[in-house]
Amino acid sequence: MTGCYYHSIDAQGRLFIPAMLRSAFPKGIAYCWILENHRRVINITGDDNVLNMSDEERSELLCGIITLHFDEESLCLTDEMASLLGEDDVVMVGLSNRVEIWPRSVWEKRLGEPATEEMLKMMRDLGMC
């Protein structure tokens, strides 16, 4: 599961999860956590092995591991998660066995400059995003 996908959180706090990323959540459950060193990034995975983190790994968590359920095509974020992101426009980045959810402005700043639609199309065409 790889790639990056631009979406918005709707008024009900739901985030559409693209089919390519949904396949990583075969049980319809997402385990979510936030690492202290990335306070505005939400990590999600369908792998329940995350529940077996070592004490050292758990010490990096800003909060505990939260279990969320999918409805048909979306994930309902908690109010705290939506507040943490701070904006409705987000980028979901597939990283092998997990997905990171970034505020779009933070993601683009991390890339060094705002991503234009043309640049995004070119990156998608090349399989980079």
N, C-alpha and C. Protein backbone atom coordinates (compact mmCIF):
# COMPACT_ATOMS: atom_id res chain seq x y z
N MET A 1 0.85 -1.16 0.00
CA MET A 1 0.00 0.00 0.00
C MET A 1 0.90 1.22 0.00
N THR A 2 0.91 1.91 -1.12
CA THR A 2 1.76 3.10 -1.25
C THR A 2 1.01 4.19 -1.98
N GLY A 3 1.59 5.36 -2.02
CA GLY A 3 1.03 6.49 -2.75
C GLY A 3 0.57 7.57 -1.80
N CYS A 4 0.22 8.73 -2.38
CA CYS A 4 -0.34 9.80 -1.56
C CYS A 4 -1.64 10.26 -2.21
N TYR A 5 -2.59 10.58 -1.35
CA TYR A 5 -3.95 10.88 -1.80
C TYR A 5 -4.44 12.12 -1.07
N TYR A 6 -4.98 13.06 -1.83
CA TYR A 6 -5.48 14.32 -1.28
C TYR A 6 -7.00 14.22 -1.12
N HIS A 7 -7.48 14.46 0.10
CA HIS A 7 -8.92 14.42 0.38
C HIS A 7 -9.25 15.45 1.45
N SER A 8 -10.54 15.60 1.70
CA SER A 8 -11.01 16.51 2.74
C SER A 8 -11.85 15.75 3.75
N ILE A 9 -11.80 16.20 4.98
CA ILE A 9 -12.65 15.66 6.03
C ILE A 9 -14.01 16.35 5.89
N ASP A 10 -15.10 15.57 5.85
CA ASP A 10 -16.41 16.18 5.66
C ASP A 10 -16.96 16.73 6.98
N ALA A 11 -18.13 17.35 6.91
CA ALA A 11 -18.73 18.01 8.08
C ALA A 11 -19.02 17.04 9.23
N GLN A 12 -19.20 15.75 8.92
CA GLN A 12 -19.45 14.75 9.95
C GLN A 12 -18.16 14.14 10.50
N GLY A 13 -17.00 14.63 10.07
CA GLY A 13 -15.73 14.13 10.56
C GLY A 13 -15.27 12.86 9.87
N ARG A 14 -15.86 12.55 8.69
CA ARG A 14 -15.47 11.35 7.95
C ARG A 14 -14.40 11.69 6.93
N LEU A 15 -13.50 10.76 6.75
CA LEU A 15 -12.43 10.89 5.77
C LEU A 15 -12.53 9.72 4.80
N PHE A 16 -12.75 10.02 3.52
CA PHE A 16 -12.81 8.99 2.49
C PHE A 16 -11.44 8.32 2.39
N ILE A 17 -11.43 6.99 2.39
CA ILE A 17 -10.19 6.24 2.25
C ILE A 17 -10.19 5.58 0.87
N PRO A 18 -9.23 5.92 0.00
CA PRO A 18 -9.19 5.32 -1.34
C PRO A 18 -9.09 3.80 -1.28
N ALA A 19 -9.66 3.14 -2.29
CA ALA A 19 -9.69 1.67 -2.34
C ALA A 19 -8.30 1.07 -2.18
N MET A 20 -7.30 1.68 -2.78
CA MET A 20 -5.93 1.17 -2.70
C MET A 20 -5.46 1.08 -1.24
N LEU A 21 -5.88 2.04 -0.42
CA LEU A 21 -5.49 2.03 0.99
C LEU A 21 -6.44 1.20 1.84
N ARG A 22 -7.72 1.14 1.46
CA ARG A 22 -8.70 0.36 2.24
C ARG A 22 -8.33 -1.11 2.30
N SER A 23 -7.65 -1.60 1.28
CA SER A 23 -7.28 -3.02 1.25
C SER A 23 -6.37 -3.39 2.42
N ALA A 24 -5.77 -2.41 3.07
CA ALA A 24 -4.89 -2.67 4.21
C ALA A 24 -5.68 -2.89 5.50
N PHE A 25 -7.00 -2.74 5.43
CA PHE A 25 -7.84 -2.86 6.62
C PHE A 25 -8.89 -3.95 6.40
N PRO A 26 -8.45 -5.21 6.27
CA PRO A 26 -9.36 -6.29 5.91
C PRO A 26 -10.49 -6.52 6.91
N LYS A 27 -10.28 -6.17 8.16
CA LYS A 27 -11.31 -6.39 9.18
C LYS A 27 -12.23 -5.18 9.33
N GLY A 28 -11.98 -4.11 8.54
CA GLY A 28 -12.77 -2.89 8.69
C GLY A 28 -12.47 -2.13 9.96
N ILE A 29 -11.28 -2.39 10.51
CA ILE A 29 -10.85 -1.74 11.75
C ILE A 29 -9.52 -1.04 11.49
N ALA A 30 -9.38 0.15 12.05
CA ALA A 30 -8.11 0.87 11.97
C ALA A 30 -7.61 1.13 13.37
N TYR A 31 -6.34 0.89 13.58
CA TYR A 31 -5.69 1.21 14.84
C TYR A 31 -4.93 2.51 14.61
N CYS A 32 -5.23 3.52 15.39
CA CYS A 32 -4.67 4.86 15.17
C CYS A 32 -3.80 5.27 16.36
N TRP A 33 -2.72 5.98 16.05
CA TRP A 33 -1.88 6.51 17.10
C TRP A 33 -1.16 7.74 16.58
N ILE A 34 -0.69 8.54 17.52
CA ILE A 34 0.01 9.78 17.19
C ILE A 34 1.34 9.76 17.91
N LEU A 35 2.43 9.88 17.17
CA LEU A 35 3.76 9.91 17.79
C LEU A 35 4.06 11.32 18.27
N GLU A 36 4.70 11.41 19.41
CA GLU A 36 4.98 12.71 20.02
C GLU A 36 5.82 13.61 19.11
N ASN A 37 6.75 13.02 18.34
CA ASN A 37 7.62 13.85 17.50
C ASN A 37 6.93 14.32 16.22
N HIS A 38 5.75 13.82 15.94
CA HIS A 38 4.94 14.29 14.80
C HIS A 38 3.54 14.60 15.30
N ARG A 39 3.41 15.65 16.07
CA ARG A 39 2.16 15.94 16.76
C ARG A 39 0.96 16.15 15.84
N ARG A 40 1.18 16.47 14.59
CA ARG A 40 0.04 16.72 13.71
C ARG A 40 -0.12 15.63 12.67
N VAL A 41 0.45 14.46 12.89
CA VAL A 41 0.34 13.35 11.95
C VAL A 41 -0.34 12.18 12.64
N ILE A 42 -1.38 11.66 12.00
CA ILE A 42 -2.08 10.50 12.55
C ILE A 42 -1.63 9.27 11.77
N ASN A 43 -1.24 8.23 12.46
CA ASN A 43 -0.84 6.95 11.86
C ASN A 43 -1.99 5.98 11.99
N ILE A 44 -2.30 5.24 10.92
CA ILE A 44 -3.33 4.21 11.00
C ILE A 44 -2.84 2.93 10.35
N THR A 45 -3.28 1.81 10.89
CA THR A 45 -2.92 0.51 10.33
C THR A 45 -4.06 -0.47 10.61
N GLY A 46 -4.15 -1.49 9.80
CA GLY A 46 -5.11 -2.56 10.04
C GLY A 46 -4.46 -3.75 10.72
N ASP A 47 -3.16 -3.66 10.96
CA ASP A 47 -2.39 -4.75 11.55
C ASP A 47 -2.48 -4.68 13.07
N ASP A 48 -3.15 -5.65 13.67
CA ASP A 48 -3.31 -5.60 15.13
C ASP A 48 -2.02 -5.91 15.89
N ASN A 49 -0.93 -6.19 15.19
CA ASN A 49 0.37 -6.36 15.86
C ASN A 49 0.83 -5.06 16.53
N VAL A 50 0.27 -3.93 16.07
CA VAL A 50 0.62 -2.65 16.69
C VAL A 50 0.24 -2.65 18.17
N LEU A 51 -0.72 -3.48 18.55
CA LEU A 51 -1.13 -3.56 19.95
C LEU A 51 -0.04 -4.18 20.82
N ASN A 52 0.93 -4.84 20.18
CA ASN A 52 2.02 -5.50 20.91
C ASN A 52 3.30 -4.67 20.92
N MET A 53 3.17 -3.34 20.88
CA MET A 53 4.35 -2.47 20.89
C MET A 53 5.16 -2.68 22.16
N SER A 54 6.45 -2.47 22.02
CA SER A 54 7.32 -2.54 23.21
C SER A 54 7.08 -1.30 24.08
N ASP A 55 7.53 -1.35 25.32
CA ASP A 55 7.39 -0.20 26.22
C ASP A 55 8.11 1.02 25.65
N GLU A 56 9.26 0.79 25.01
CA GLU A 56 10.02 1.89 24.42
C GLU A 56 9.21 2.56 23.31
N GLU A 57 8.59 1.74 22.45
CA GLU A 57 7.76 2.30 21.38
C GLU A 57 6.54 3.03 21.95
N ARG A 58 5.94 2.46 22.98
CA ARG A 58 4.77 3.10 23.59
C ARG A 58 5.13 4.45 24.22
N SER A 59 6.38 4.61 24.68
CA SER A 59 6.78 5.86 25.32
C SER A 59 6.79 7.02 24.33
N GLU A 60 6.85 6.72 23.03
CA GLU A 60 6.82 7.77 22.02
C GLU A 60 5.41 8.21 21.66
N LEU A 61 4.40 7.49 22.15
CA LEU A 61 3.02 7.82 21.81
C LEU A 61 2.56 9.06 22.53
N LEU A 62 1.90 9.94 21.80
CA LEU A 62 1.31 11.13 22.40
C LEU A 62 0.03 10.74 23.14
N CYS A 63 -0.67 9.77 22.59
CA CYS A 63 -1.87 9.23 23.24
C CYS A 63 -1.86 7.73 22.99
N GLY A 64 -2.80 7.04 23.56
CA GLY A 64 -2.85 5.60 23.37
C GLY A 64 -3.26 5.22 21.96
N ILE A 65 -3.38 3.94 21.74
CA ILE A 65 -3.83 3.43 20.45
C ILE A 65 -5.35 3.42 20.46
N ILE A 66 -5.94 4.06 19.49
CA ILE A 66 -7.39 4.18 19.39
C ILE A 66 -7.87 3.26 18.27
N THR A 67 -8.92 2.51 18.53
CA THR A 67 -9.50 1.63 17.51
C THR A 67 -10.69 2.33 16.87
N LEU A 68 -10.66 2.46 15.56
CA LEU A 68 -11.76 3.08 14.81
C LEU A 68 -12.30 2.09 13.80
N HIS A 69 -13.58 2.18 13.52
CA HIS A 69 -14.21 1.31 12.54
C HIS A 69 -14.53 2.09 11.28
N PHE A 70 -14.41 1.40 10.15
CA PHE A 70 -14.77 1.99 8.87
C PHE A 70 -16.25 1.83 8.61
N ASP A 71 -16.87 2.81 7.97
CA ASP A 71 -18.14 2.51 7.33
C ASP A 71 -17.75 2.19 5.89
N GLU A 72 -18.64 2.10 4.98
CA GLU A 72 -18.37 1.60 3.62
C GLU A 72 -17.03 2.04 3.02
N GLU A 73 -16.79 3.34 2.97
CA GLU A 73 -15.58 3.84 2.29
C GLU A 73 -14.84 4.90 3.09
N SER A 74 -15.24 5.12 4.31
CA SER A 74 -14.62 6.21 5.05
C SER A 74 -14.32 5.82 6.48
N LEU A 75 -13.50 6.62 7.09
CA LEU A 75 -13.08 6.45 8.47
C LEU A 75 -13.61 7.65 9.23
N CYS A 76 -14.30 7.43 10.34
CA CYS A 76 -14.80 8.53 11.15
C CYS A 76 -13.75 8.90 12.19
N LEU A 77 -13.20 10.09 12.06
CA LEU A 77 -12.18 10.56 12.99
C LEU A 77 -12.84 11.08 14.26
N THR A 78 -12.16 10.93 15.38
CA THR A 78 -12.66 11.51 16.61
C THR A 78 -12.49 13.03 16.54
N ASP A 79 -13.20 13.75 17.40
CA ASP A 79 -13.06 15.20 17.45
C ASP A 79 -11.62 15.60 17.76
N GLU A 80 -10.99 14.82 18.65
CA GLU A 80 -9.60 15.12 19.02
C GLU A 80 -8.67 14.98 17.82
N MET A 81 -8.89 13.94 16.99
CA MET A 81 -8.05 13.74 15.81
C MET A 81 -8.24 14.87 14.81
N ALA A 82 -9.49 15.24 14.56
CA ALA A 82 -9.77 16.33 13.63
C ALA A 82 -9.15 17.63 14.14
N SER A 83 -9.25 17.86 15.44
CA SER A 83 -8.67 19.06 16.04
C SER A 83 -7.15 19.05 15.92
N LEU A 84 -6.54 17.89 16.12
CA LEU A 84 -5.09 17.76 16.00
C LEU A 84 -4.62 18.13 14.60
N LEU A 85 -5.34 17.66 13.58
CA LEU A 85 -4.96 17.98 12.21
C LEU A 85 -5.09 19.46 11.94
N GLY A 86 -6.11 20.09 12.50
CA GLY A 86 -6.24 21.54 12.41
C GLY A 86 -6.80 22.07 11.11
N GLU A 87 -7.06 21.22 10.14
CA GLU A 87 -7.65 21.66 8.87
C GLU A 87 -8.34 20.47 8.21
N ASP A 88 -9.28 20.78 7.32
CA ASP A 88 -10.06 19.72 6.68
C ASP A 88 -9.36 19.10 5.48
N ASP A 89 -8.45 19.81 4.85
CA ASP A 89 -7.74 19.27 3.69
C ASP A 89 -6.52 18.49 4.18
N VAL A 90 -6.50 17.20 3.83
CA VAL A 90 -5.44 16.33 4.32
C VAL A 90 -4.81 15.54 3.19
N VAL A 91 -3.65 14.96 3.48
CA VAL A 91 -2.96 14.07 2.56
C VAL A 91 -2.77 12.75 3.29
N MET A 92 -3.19 11.66 2.64
CA MET A 92 -2.96 10.33 3.19
C MET A 92 -1.79 9.72 2.44
N VAL A 93 -0.79 9.27 3.16
CA VAL A 93 0.43 8.73 2.57
C VAL A 93 0.54 7.25 2.95
N GLY A 94 0.51 6.37 1.94
CA GLY A 94 0.66 4.94 2.18
C GLY A 94 2.13 4.59 2.35
N LEU A 95 2.44 3.97 3.48
CA LEU A 95 3.82 3.61 3.80
C LEU A 95 3.88 2.12 4.15
N SER A 96 3.75 1.30 3.15
CA SER A 96 3.82 -0.15 3.30
C SER A 96 2.69 -0.68 4.19
N ASN A 97 2.92 -0.81 5.50
CA ASN A 97 1.92 -1.43 6.36
C ASN A 97 1.11 -0.42 7.18
N ARG A 98 1.26 0.87 6.89
CA ARG A 98 0.48 1.88 7.62
C ARG A 98 0.23 3.08 6.71
N VAL A 99 -0.66 3.93 7.16
CA VAL A 99 -0.99 5.16 6.44
C VAL A 99 -0.79 6.32 7.41
N GLU A 100 -0.17 7.39 6.93
CA GLU A 100 -0.07 8.61 7.71
C GLU A 100 -1.07 9.60 7.15
N ILE A 101 -1.74 10.33 8.04
CA ILE A 101 -2.67 11.39 7.64
C ILE A 101 -2.05 12.71 8.07
N TRP A 102 -1.74 13.56 7.09
CA TRP A 102 -1.08 14.85 7.33
C TRP A 102 -2.04 15.99 6.98
N PRO A 103 -1.98 17.12 7.71
CA PRO A 103 -2.65 18.32 7.21
C PRO A 103 -1.98 18.70 5.89
N ARG A 104 -2.77 19.07 4.89
CA ARG A 104 -2.20 19.36 3.57
C ARG A 104 -1.13 20.46 3.63
N SER A 105 -1.39 21.50 4.40
CA SER A 105 -0.42 22.61 4.46
C SER A 105 0.91 22.15 5.05
N VAL A 106 0.87 21.29 6.04
CA VAL A 106 2.09 20.77 6.66
C VAL A 106 2.84 19.87 5.68
N TRP A 107 2.08 19.00 4.97
CA TRP A 107 2.69 18.10 3.98
C TRP A 107 3.39 18.90 2.89
N GLU A 108 2.71 19.93 2.36
CA GLU A 108 3.30 20.72 1.28
C GLU A 108 4.51 21.51 1.76
N LYS A 109 4.46 22.00 2.99
CA LYS A 109 5.62 22.70 3.54
C LYS A 109 6.79 21.73 3.66
N ARG A 110 6.47 20.50 4.06
CA ARG A 110 7.50 19.46 4.18
C ARG A 110 8.14 19.15 2.83
N LEU A 111 7.36 19.22 1.78
CA LEU A 111 7.89 18.99 0.44
C LEU A 111 8.74 20.15 -0.05
N GLY A 112 8.60 21.31 0.59
CA GLY A 112 9.42 22.45 0.21
C GLY A 112 8.70 23.53 -0.56
N GLU A 113 7.62 23.18 -1.24
CA GLU A 113 6.83 24.17 -1.95
C GLU A 113 5.44 23.60 -2.22
N PRO A 114 4.45 24.47 -2.40
CA PRO A 114 3.10 23.97 -2.65
C PRO A 114 3.04 23.09 -3.89
N ALA A 115 2.34 22.00 -3.77
CA ALA A 115 2.18 21.09 -4.91
C ALA A 115 1.08 21.62 -5.82
N THR A 116 1.41 21.86 -7.06
CA THR A 116 0.40 22.29 -8.02
C THR A 116 -0.29 21.06 -8.58
N GLU A 117 -1.48 21.27 -9.13
CA GLU A 117 -2.21 20.15 -9.72
C GLU A 117 -1.40 19.51 -10.85
N GLU A 118 -0.70 20.32 -11.64
CA GLU A 118 0.13 19.78 -12.74
C GLU A 118 1.25 18.90 -12.18
N MET A 119 1.90 19.38 -11.13
CA MET A 119 2.99 18.62 -10.52
C MET A 119 2.44 17.32 -9.94
N LEU A 120 1.29 17.40 -9.27
CA LEU A 120 0.69 16.20 -8.69
C LEU A 120 0.35 15.19 -9.77
N LYS A 121 -0.20 15.66 -10.90
CA LYS A 121 -0.55 14.75 -12.00
C LYS A 121 0.71 14.06 -12.53
N MET A 122 1.77 14.85 -12.71
CA MET A 122 3.01 14.28 -13.22
C MET A 122 3.56 13.23 -12.23
N MET A 123 3.52 13.53 -10.94
CA MET A 123 4.02 12.59 -9.94
C MET A 123 3.17 11.32 -9.93
N ARG A 124 1.85 11.48 -10.06
CA ARG A 124 0.97 10.30 -10.11
C ARG A 124 1.26 9.46 -11.34
N ASP A 125 1.44 10.13 -12.49
CA ASP A 125 1.73 9.42 -13.73
C ASP A 125 3.03 8.60 -13.64
N LEU A 126 3.97 9.11 -12.85
CA LEU A 126 5.25 8.43 -12.68
C LEU A 126 5.20 7.43 -11.52
N GLY A 127 4.04 7.32 -10.87
CA GLY A 127 3.90 6.38 -9.76
C GLY A 127 4.57 6.86 -8.48
N MET A 128 4.87 8.14 -8.41
CA MET A 128 5.56 8.68 -7.23
C MET A 128 4.60 9.12 -6.15
N CYS A 129 3.35 9.25 -6.48
CA CYS A 129 2.40 9.78 -5.52
C CYS A 129 1.03 9.21 -5.83
